[in-house]
């Protein structure tokens, strides 16, 4: 095998790893948004750690200032989801 072939295989493996890592991150982020965020909205992040609460406050402040319609839609979705669980 030549060095070029080995480098090509290595770079291909790295690309695949990055794609998998990105997919995992997106999956984790969607899980948080769809599962945890609505509960945090309704309970005002009562179960959150200090750092999570700070980040939640930053996120809600930004959304209420810049995208209030989207924030209201998220809150509405959260209320519906928690009503179904009850």
Protein backbone atom coordinates (compact mmCIF):
# COMPACT_ATOMS: atom_id res chain seq x y z
CA UNK A 1 0.00 0.00 0.00
CA UNK A 2 1.15 3.47 -0.73
CA UNK A 3 1.12 6.29 1.75
CA UNK A 4 -1.48 8.14 -0.34
CA UNK A 5 -3.87 5.21 -0.05
CA UNK A 6 -3.40 4.99 3.72
CA UNK A 7 -3.94 8.74 4.10
CA UNK A 8 -7.08 8.50 1.95
CA UNK A 9 -8.50 5.69 4.10
CA UNK A 10 -7.64 7.58 7.29
CA UNK A 11 -9.30 10.77 6.06
CA UNK A 12 -12.38 8.77 5.02
CA UNK A 13 -12.63 7.24 8.49
CA UNK A 14 -12.27 10.68 10.07
CA UNK A 15 -15.05 12.05 7.83
CA UNK A 16 -17.35 9.16 8.78
CA UNK A 17 -16.58 9.72 12.47
CA UNK A 18 -17.39 13.43 12.18
CA UNK A 19 -20.67 12.66 10.40
CA UNK A 20 -21.65 10.16 13.11
CA UNK A 21 -20.70 12.59 15.86
CA UNK A 22 -22.76 15.33 14.20
CA UNK A 23 -25.75 12.98 13.85
CA UNK A 24 -25.43 12.02 17.53
CA UNK A 25 -25.32 15.68 18.57
CA UNK A 26 -28.40 16.51 16.49
CA UNK A 27 -30.24 13.51 17.95
CA UNK A 28 -29.30 14.55 21.50
CA UNK A 29 -30.33 18.15 20.83
CA UNK A 30 -33.68 17.09 19.39
CA UNK A 31 -34.27 14.80 22.38
CA UNK A 32 -33.70 17.76 24.71
CA UNK A 33 -35.91 20.10 22.70
CA UNK A 34 -38.76 17.64 22.33
CA UNK A 35 -38.58 15.96 25.73
CA UNK A 36 -36.93 18.16 28.34
CA UNK A 37 -37.46 21.72 27.16
CA UNK A 38 -41.29 21.68 27.33
CA UNK A 39 -41.17 20.45 30.92
CA UNK A 40 -38.59 23.10 31.79
CA UNK A 41 -40.84 25.77 30.26
CA UNK A 42 -43.91 24.70 32.21
CA UNK A 43 -42.10 24.18 35.53
CA UNK A 44 -39.84 27.22 35.03
CA UNK A 45 -36.83 24.90 35.17
CA UNK A 46 -37.59 23.79 38.74
CA UNK A 47 -35.68 20.49 38.35
CA UNK A 48 -32.70 22.08 36.59
CA UNK A 49 -29.20 22.45 37.97
CA UNK A 50 -27.87 25.96 38.53
CA UNK A 51 -26.07 25.99 35.19
CA UNK A 52 -29.05 24.55 33.32
CA UNK A 53 -31.26 27.18 34.92
CA UNK A 54 -28.90 29.97 33.82
CA UNK A 55 -28.83 28.64 30.26
CA UNK A 56 -32.61 28.21 30.29
CA UNK A 57 -33.00 31.84 31.40
CA UNK A 58 -30.72 33.02 28.57
CA UNK A 59 -32.67 30.96 26.06
CA UNK A 60 -36.08 32.14 27.22
CA UNK A 61 -34.92 35.78 27.39
CA UNK A 62 -33.67 35.62 23.82
CA UNK A 63 -36.82 33.95 22.51
CA UNK A 64 -39.20 36.30 24.33
CA UNK A 65 -37.34 39.34 22.94
CA UNK A 66 -36.59 38.19 19.39
CA UNK A 67 -39.10 35.42 18.55
CA UNK A 68 -42.11 35.81 20.88
CA UNK A 69 -44.46 33.97 18.49
CA UNK A 70 -42.19 30.94 18.38
CA UNK A 71 -41.76 31.01 22.16
CA UNK A 72 -45.53 31.11 22.65
CA UNK A 73 -45.86 28.17 20.25
CA UNK A 74 -43.26 26.23 22.26
CA UNK A 75 -45.08 26.99 25.51
CA UNK A 76 -48.39 25.91 23.95
CA UNK A 77 -46.81 22.69 22.71
CA UNK A 78 -45.30 22.08 26.15
CA UNK A 79 -48.65 22.53 27.88
CA UNK A 80 -50.37 20.13 25.47
CA UNK A 81 -47.63 17.54 25.92
CA UNK A 82 -47.77 17.69 29.71
CA UNK A 83 -51.58 17.52 29.66
CA UNK A 84 -51.34 14.27 27.67
CA UNK A 85 -48.90 12.82 30.22
CA UNK A 86 -51.23 13.62 33.13
